[in-house]
């Protein structure tokens, strides 16, 4: 009986270890001198995705490169919209084999 209870724990531990291993070294935020500077084509792709997302209606988001890093600036109506904008940027980066990450400089209205 003891062996049966250990097996699921080993499987869970393996999944946790795998979750920590990412194929992208810049998940979350582009930082450091080794991160490539996003180009205008990347900025346009991300801006177009954000502009087309109905979940971001009412938000005013500008995608730009500032200090050699991709940055989302502007205002959103909620934390959910801020997170959605970051997800849109990440999705475009993933789909185009680009480094993942952006600085979130979005302001939530009313805060």
N, C-alpha and C. Protein backbone atom coordinates (compact mmCIF):
# COMPACT_ATOMS: atom_id res chain seq x y z
N UNK A 1 0.81 -1.19 0.00
CA UNK A 1 0.00 0.00 0.00
C UNK A 1 0.85 1.26 0.00
N UNK A 2 1.97 1.24 0.69
CA UNK A 2 2.82 2.42 0.74
C UNK A 2 3.33 2.81 -0.64
N UNK A 3 3.69 1.85 -1.45
CA UNK A 3 4.22 2.13 -2.78
C UNK A 3 3.19 2.84 -3.63
N UNK A 4 1.94 2.44 -3.55
CA UNK A 4 0.89 3.09 -4.34
C UNK A 4 0.74 4.56 -3.97
N UNK A 5 0.92 4.92 -2.71
CA UNK A 5 0.76 6.32 -2.33
C UNK A 5 1.98 7.15 -2.70
N UNK A 6 3.12 6.54 -2.90
CA UNK A 6 4.34 7.27 -3.26
C UNK A 6 4.35 7.57 -4.76
N UNK A 7 3.82 6.70 -5.58
CA UNK A 7 3.86 6.88 -7.04
C UNK A 7 3.19 8.18 -7.47
N UNK A 8 1.98 8.51 -7.01
CA UNK A 8 1.40 9.80 -7.43
C UNK A 8 2.24 10.99 -6.99
N UNK A 9 2.86 10.90 -5.81
CA UNK A 9 3.70 12.00 -5.35
C UNK A 9 4.92 12.18 -6.23
N UNK A 10 5.51 11.08 -6.69
CA UNK A 10 6.67 11.16 -7.59
C UNK A 10 6.26 11.79 -8.91
N UNK A 11 5.08 11.41 -9.41
CA UNK A 11 4.59 12.00 -10.66
C UNK A 11 4.36 13.49 -10.51
N UNK A 12 3.78 13.90 -9.39
CA UNK A 12 3.53 15.31 -9.13
C UNK A 12 4.85 16.08 -9.02
N UNK A 13 5.82 15.51 -8.35
CA UNK A 13 7.13 16.15 -8.23
C UNK A 13 7.77 16.32 -9.61
N UNK A 14 7.63 15.34 -10.46
CA UNK A 14 8.17 15.42 -11.82
C UNK A 14 7.51 16.54 -12.61
N UNK A 15 6.20 16.68 -12.48
CA UNK A 15 5.50 17.75 -13.18
C UNK A 15 5.94 19.12 -12.69
N UNK A 16 6.15 19.25 -11.40
CA UNK A 16 6.60 20.52 -10.84
C UNK A 16 7.99 20.86 -11.38
N UNK A 17 8.86 19.88 -11.45
CA UNK A 17 10.19 20.13 -11.99
C UNK A 17 10.13 20.53 -13.45
N UNK A 18 9.27 19.85 -14.23
CA UNK A 18 9.14 20.19 -15.64
C UNK A 18 8.56 21.58 -15.83
N UNK A 19 7.64 21.97 -14.98
CA UNK A 19 7.04 23.30 -15.09
C UNK A 19 8.08 24.38 -14.90
N UNK A 20 9.10 24.12 -14.12
CA UNK A 20 10.15 25.10 -13.90
C UNK A 20 11.11 25.22 -15.07
N UNK A 21 11.11 24.24 -15.96
CA UNK A 21 11.99 24.26 -17.12
C UNK A 21 11.25 24.89 -18.28
N UNK A 22 11.72 26.00 -18.76
CA UNK A 22 11.05 26.69 -19.84
C UNK A 22 11.97 26.79 -21.03
N UNK A 23 11.39 26.77 -22.22
CA UNK A 23 12.20 26.92 -23.42
C UNK A 23 12.54 28.38 -23.68
N UNK A 24 11.93 29.30 -22.93
CA UNK A 24 12.20 30.72 -23.08
C UNK A 24 12.91 31.22 -21.83
N UNK A 25 14.02 31.90 -22.03
CA UNK A 25 14.77 32.38 -20.87
C UNK A 25 14.23 33.70 -20.35
N UNK A 26 13.34 34.36 -21.10
CA UNK A 26 12.87 35.68 -20.71
C UNK A 26 11.39 35.71 -20.40
N UNK A 27 10.84 34.63 -19.86
CA UNK A 27 9.41 34.61 -19.56
C UNK A 27 9.06 35.74 -18.61
N UNK A 28 7.95 36.41 -18.91
CA UNK A 28 7.43 37.44 -18.03
C UNK A 28 7.90 38.82 -18.37
N UNK A 29 9.18 39.08 -18.27
CA UNK A 29 9.70 40.42 -18.49
C UNK A 29 10.99 40.32 -19.28
N UNK A 30 11.09 41.12 -20.33
CA UNK A 30 12.33 41.19 -21.08
C UNK A 30 13.28 42.06 -20.27
N UNK A 31 14.43 41.52 -19.93
CA UNK A 31 15.37 42.28 -19.12
C UNK A 31 16.78 41.81 -19.42
N UNK A 32 17.74 42.61 -19.06
CA UNK A 32 19.14 42.23 -19.22
C UNK A 32 19.69 42.60 -20.58
N UNK A 33 20.99 42.60 -20.69
CA UNK A 33 21.63 43.02 -21.92
C UNK A 33 21.58 41.96 -23.00
N UNK A 34 21.26 40.71 -22.66
CA UNK A 34 21.22 39.65 -23.66
C UNK A 34 19.90 39.58 -24.41
N UNK A 35 18.87 40.27 -23.94
CA UNK A 35 17.56 40.24 -24.60
C UNK A 35 17.63 41.07 -25.87
N UNK A 36 17.22 40.49 -27.02
CA UNK A 36 17.25 41.27 -28.25
C UNK A 36 16.25 42.42 -28.21
N UNK A 37 16.59 43.51 -28.85
CA UNK A 37 15.71 44.66 -28.91
C UNK A 37 14.58 44.36 -29.88
N UNK A 38 13.32 44.49 -29.44
CA UNK A 38 12.20 44.25 -30.35
C UNK A 38 12.22 45.24 -31.51
N UNK A 39 11.85 44.77 -32.70
CA UNK A 39 11.86 45.66 -33.86
C UNK A 39 10.46 46.20 -34.13
N UNK A 40 10.36 47.10 -35.12
CA UNK A 40 9.09 47.74 -35.44
C UNK A 40 8.03 46.73 -35.88
N UNK A 41 8.44 45.67 -36.57
CA UNK A 41 7.48 44.66 -37.01
C UNK A 41 6.84 43.96 -35.81
N UNK A 42 7.64 43.66 -34.80
CA UNK A 42 7.12 43.03 -33.58
C UNK A 42 6.15 43.97 -32.88
N UNK A 43 6.52 45.23 -32.77
CA UNK A 43 5.66 46.22 -32.12
C UNK A 43 4.32 46.30 -32.85
N UNK A 44 4.35 46.32 -34.18
CA UNK A 44 3.12 46.42 -34.97
C UNK A 44 2.25 45.17 -34.79
N UNK A 45 2.86 43.99 -34.82
CA UNK A 45 2.09 42.76 -34.63
C UNK A 45 1.36 42.76 -33.28
N UNK A 46 2.06 43.16 -32.25
CA UNK A 46 1.47 43.16 -30.91
C UNK A 46 0.41 44.25 -30.80
N UNK A 47 0.69 45.43 -31.34
CA UNK A 47 -0.29 46.52 -31.31
C UNK A 47 -1.56 46.11 -32.03
N UNK A 48 -1.42 45.47 -33.20
CA UNK A 48 -2.59 45.03 -33.97
C UNK A 48 -3.40 43.99 -33.19
N UNK A 49 -2.73 43.07 -32.51
CA UNK A 49 -3.42 42.05 -31.73
C UNK A 49 -4.19 42.68 -30.57
N UNK A 50 -3.59 43.64 -29.91
CA UNK A 50 -4.24 44.32 -28.79
C UNK A 50 -5.44 45.13 -29.29
N UNK A 51 -5.26 45.84 -30.40
CA UNK A 51 -6.35 46.64 -30.95
C UNK A 51 -7.53 45.78 -31.40
N UNK A 52 -7.27 44.55 -31.83
CA UNK A 52 -8.32 43.67 -32.34
C UNK A 52 -9.02 42.87 -31.24
N UNK A 53 -8.51 42.90 -30.03
CA UNK A 53 -9.06 42.08 -28.95
C UNK A 53 -10.29 42.76 -28.34
N UNK A 54 -11.48 42.14 -28.49
CA UNK A 54 -12.69 42.74 -27.94
C UNK A 54 -12.67 42.84 -26.41
N UNK A 55 -11.89 42.02 -25.76
CA UNK A 55 -11.79 42.06 -24.30
C UNK A 55 -11.09 43.34 -23.82
N UNK A 56 -10.43 44.04 -24.74
CA UNK A 56 -9.71 45.25 -24.37
C UNK A 56 -10.46 46.52 -24.79
N UNK A 57 -11.76 46.37 -25.09
CA UNK A 57 -12.58 47.52 -25.47
C UNK A 57 -12.56 48.55 -24.33
N UNK A 58 -12.34 49.80 -24.69
CA UNK A 58 -12.29 50.87 -23.71
C UNK A 58 -10.90 51.13 -23.16
N UNK A 59 -9.97 50.24 -23.47
CA UNK A 59 -8.58 50.44 -23.02
C UNK A 59 -7.85 51.31 -24.04
N UNK A 60 -6.84 52.00 -23.60
CA UNK A 60 -6.00 52.81 -24.47
C UNK A 60 -4.56 52.35 -24.26
N UNK A 61 -4.11 51.45 -25.13
CA UNK A 61 -2.80 50.79 -24.95
C UNK A 61 -1.91 51.10 -26.15
N UNK A 62 -0.70 51.51 -25.85
CA UNK A 62 0.32 51.74 -26.87
C UNK A 62 1.47 50.78 -26.62
N UNK A 63 1.90 50.12 -27.68
CA UNK A 63 3.05 49.22 -27.61
C UNK A 63 4.24 49.98 -28.17
N UNK A 64 5.32 50.02 -27.43
CA UNK A 64 6.51 50.71 -27.93
C UNK A 64 7.76 50.06 -27.36
N UNK A 65 8.88 50.43 -27.95
CA UNK A 65 10.17 50.01 -27.42
C UNK A 65 10.74 51.21 -26.69
N UNK A 66 10.98 51.01 -25.39
CA UNK A 66 11.52 52.07 -24.56
C UNK A 66 12.71 51.49 -23.79
N UNK A 67 13.85 52.15 -23.86
CA UNK A 67 15.07 51.65 -23.23
C UNK A 67 15.40 50.23 -23.70
N UNK A 68 15.21 49.99 -24.98
CA UNK A 68 15.53 48.71 -25.63
C UNK A 68 14.67 47.54 -25.14
N UNK A 69 13.49 47.82 -24.64
CA UNK A 69 12.62 46.74 -24.20
C UNK A 69 11.18 47.03 -24.60
N UNK A 70 10.47 45.96 -24.89
CA UNK A 70 9.07 46.05 -25.27
C UNK A 70 8.26 46.51 -24.06
N UNK A 71 7.42 47.53 -24.25
CA UNK A 71 6.67 48.10 -23.15
C UNK A 71 5.23 48.34 -23.58
N UNK A 72 4.29 47.98 -22.70
CA UNK A 72 2.88 48.29 -22.90
C UNK A 72 2.56 49.48 -22.00
N UNK A 73 2.07 50.56 -22.61
CA UNK A 73 1.78 51.78 -21.87
C UNK A 73 0.35 52.20 -22.15
N UNK A 74 -0.23 52.95 -21.22
CA UNK A 74 -1.57 53.47 -21.40
C UNK A 74 -2.46 53.13 -20.23
N UNK A 75 -3.78 53.14 -20.48
CA UNK A 75 -4.73 52.88 -19.41
C UNK A 75 -5.67 51.74 -19.79
N UNK A 76 -6.07 51.00 -18.78
CA UNK A 76 -7.04 49.92 -18.92
C UNK A 76 -8.10 50.12 -17.85
N UNK A 77 -9.21 49.39 -18.00
CA UNK A 77 -10.31 49.56 -17.06
C UNK A 77 -10.23 48.62 -15.87
N UNK A 78 -9.38 47.58 -15.97
CA UNK A 78 -9.33 46.59 -14.89
C UNK A 78 -8.02 45.81 -14.93
N UNK A 79 -7.78 45.10 -13.85
CA UNK A 79 -6.62 44.20 -13.80
C UNK A 79 -6.75 43.13 -14.87
N UNK A 80 -7.98 42.67 -15.10
CA UNK A 80 -8.21 41.64 -16.13
C UNK A 80 -7.78 42.14 -17.51
N UNK A 81 -8.06 43.39 -17.82
CA UNK A 81 -7.63 43.94 -19.11
C UNK A 81 -6.11 44.06 -19.18
N UNK A 82 -5.49 44.43 -18.10
CA UNK A 82 -4.03 44.51 -18.06
C UNK A 82 -3.42 43.14 -18.33
N UNK A 83 -3.95 42.14 -17.67
CA UNK A 83 -3.46 40.77 -17.87
C UNK A 83 -3.74 40.28 -19.28
N UNK A 84 -4.89 40.64 -19.85
CA UNK A 84 -5.23 40.23 -21.21
C UNK A 84 -4.27 40.85 -22.22
N UNK A 85 -3.92 42.11 -22.03
CA UNK A 85 -2.97 42.77 -22.93
C UNK A 85 -1.62 42.05 -22.90
N UNK A 86 -1.18 41.68 -21.71
CA UNK A 86 0.09 40.96 -21.59
C UNK A 86 -0.01 39.58 -22.26
N UNK A 87 -1.16 38.93 -22.12
CA UNK A 87 -1.36 37.63 -22.77
C UNK A 87 -1.35 37.78 -24.28
N UNK A 88 -1.97 38.83 -24.80
CA UNK A 88 -1.96 39.08 -26.24
C UNK A 88 -0.53 39.26 -26.75
N UNK A 89 0.25 40.04 -26.01
CA UNK A 89 1.65 40.25 -26.41
C UNK A 89 2.42 38.94 -26.39
N UNK A 90 2.24 38.17 -25.35
CA UNK A 90 2.93 36.89 -25.23
C UNK A 90 2.53 35.92 -26.34
N UNK A 91 1.24 35.92 -26.69
CA UNK A 91 0.75 35.03 -27.75
C UNK A 91 1.40 35.37 -29.09
N UNK A 92 1.48 36.66 -29.41
CA UNK A 92 2.12 37.09 -30.65
C UNK A 92 3.59 36.68 -30.65
N UNK A 93 4.26 36.89 -29.52
CA UNK A 93 5.67 36.54 -29.43
C UNK A 93 5.86 35.03 -29.61
N UNK A 94 5.04 34.24 -28.97
CA UNK A 94 5.14 32.78 -29.08
C UNK A 94 4.88 32.33 -30.50
N UNK A 95 3.82 32.84 -31.12
CA UNK A 95 3.45 32.44 -32.48
C UNK A 95 4.49 32.83 -33.52
N UNK A 96 5.33 33.80 -33.20
CA UNK A 96 6.36 34.27 -34.14
C UNK A 96 7.77 33.92 -33.70
N UNK A 97 7.88 32.99 -32.74
CA UNK A 97 9.18 32.54 -32.24
C UNK A 97 10.07 33.70 -31.78
N UNK A 98 9.46 34.62 -31.07
CA UNK A 98 10.17 35.78 -30.55
C UNK A 98 10.40 35.61 -29.05
N UNK A 99 11.38 36.31 -28.49
CA UNK A 99 11.56 36.25 -27.04
C UNK A 99 10.29 36.70 -26.34
N UNK A 100 9.94 36.01 -25.27
CA UNK A 100 8.71 36.28 -24.54
C UNK A 100 8.94 37.34 -23.48
N UNK A 101 8.01 38.28 -23.40
CA UNK A 101 8.04 39.23 -22.30
C UNK A 101 7.81 40.65 -22.73
N UNK A 102 7.31 41.43 -21.80
CA UNK A 102 7.09 42.86 -22.00
C UNK A 102 6.99 43.50 -20.63
N UNK A 103 7.33 44.76 -20.57
CA UNK A 103 7.14 45.52 -19.34
C UNK A 103 5.71 46.06 -19.34
N UNK A 104 5.02 45.82 -18.27
CA UNK A 104 3.64 46.26 -18.13
C UNK A 104 3.63 47.59 -17.39
N UNK A 105 3.44 48.65 -18.15
CA UNK A 105 3.38 49.99 -17.56
C UNK A 105 1.95 50.54 -17.67
N UNK A 106 0.98 49.64 -17.73
CA UNK A 106 -0.41 50.03 -17.86
C UNK A 106 -0.97 50.54 -16.54
N UNK A 107 -1.78 51.56 -16.61
CA UNK A 107 -2.43 52.13 -15.44
C UNK A 107 -3.89 51.72 -15.45
N UNK A 108 -4.37 51.27 -14.32
CA UNK A 108 -5.77 50.89 -14.20
C UNK A 108 -6.55 52.14 -13.81
N UNK A 109 -7.57 52.49 -14.61
CA UNK A 109 -8.36 53.69 -14.34
C UNK A 109 -8.99 53.63 -12.96
N UNK A 110 -8.99 54.76 -12.29
CA UNK A 110 -9.60 54.83 -10.97
C UNK A 110 -8.69 54.44 -9.83
N UNK A 111 -7.45 54.12 -10.13
CA UNK A 111 -6.51 53.76 -9.05
C UNK A 111 -5.48 54.83 -8.87
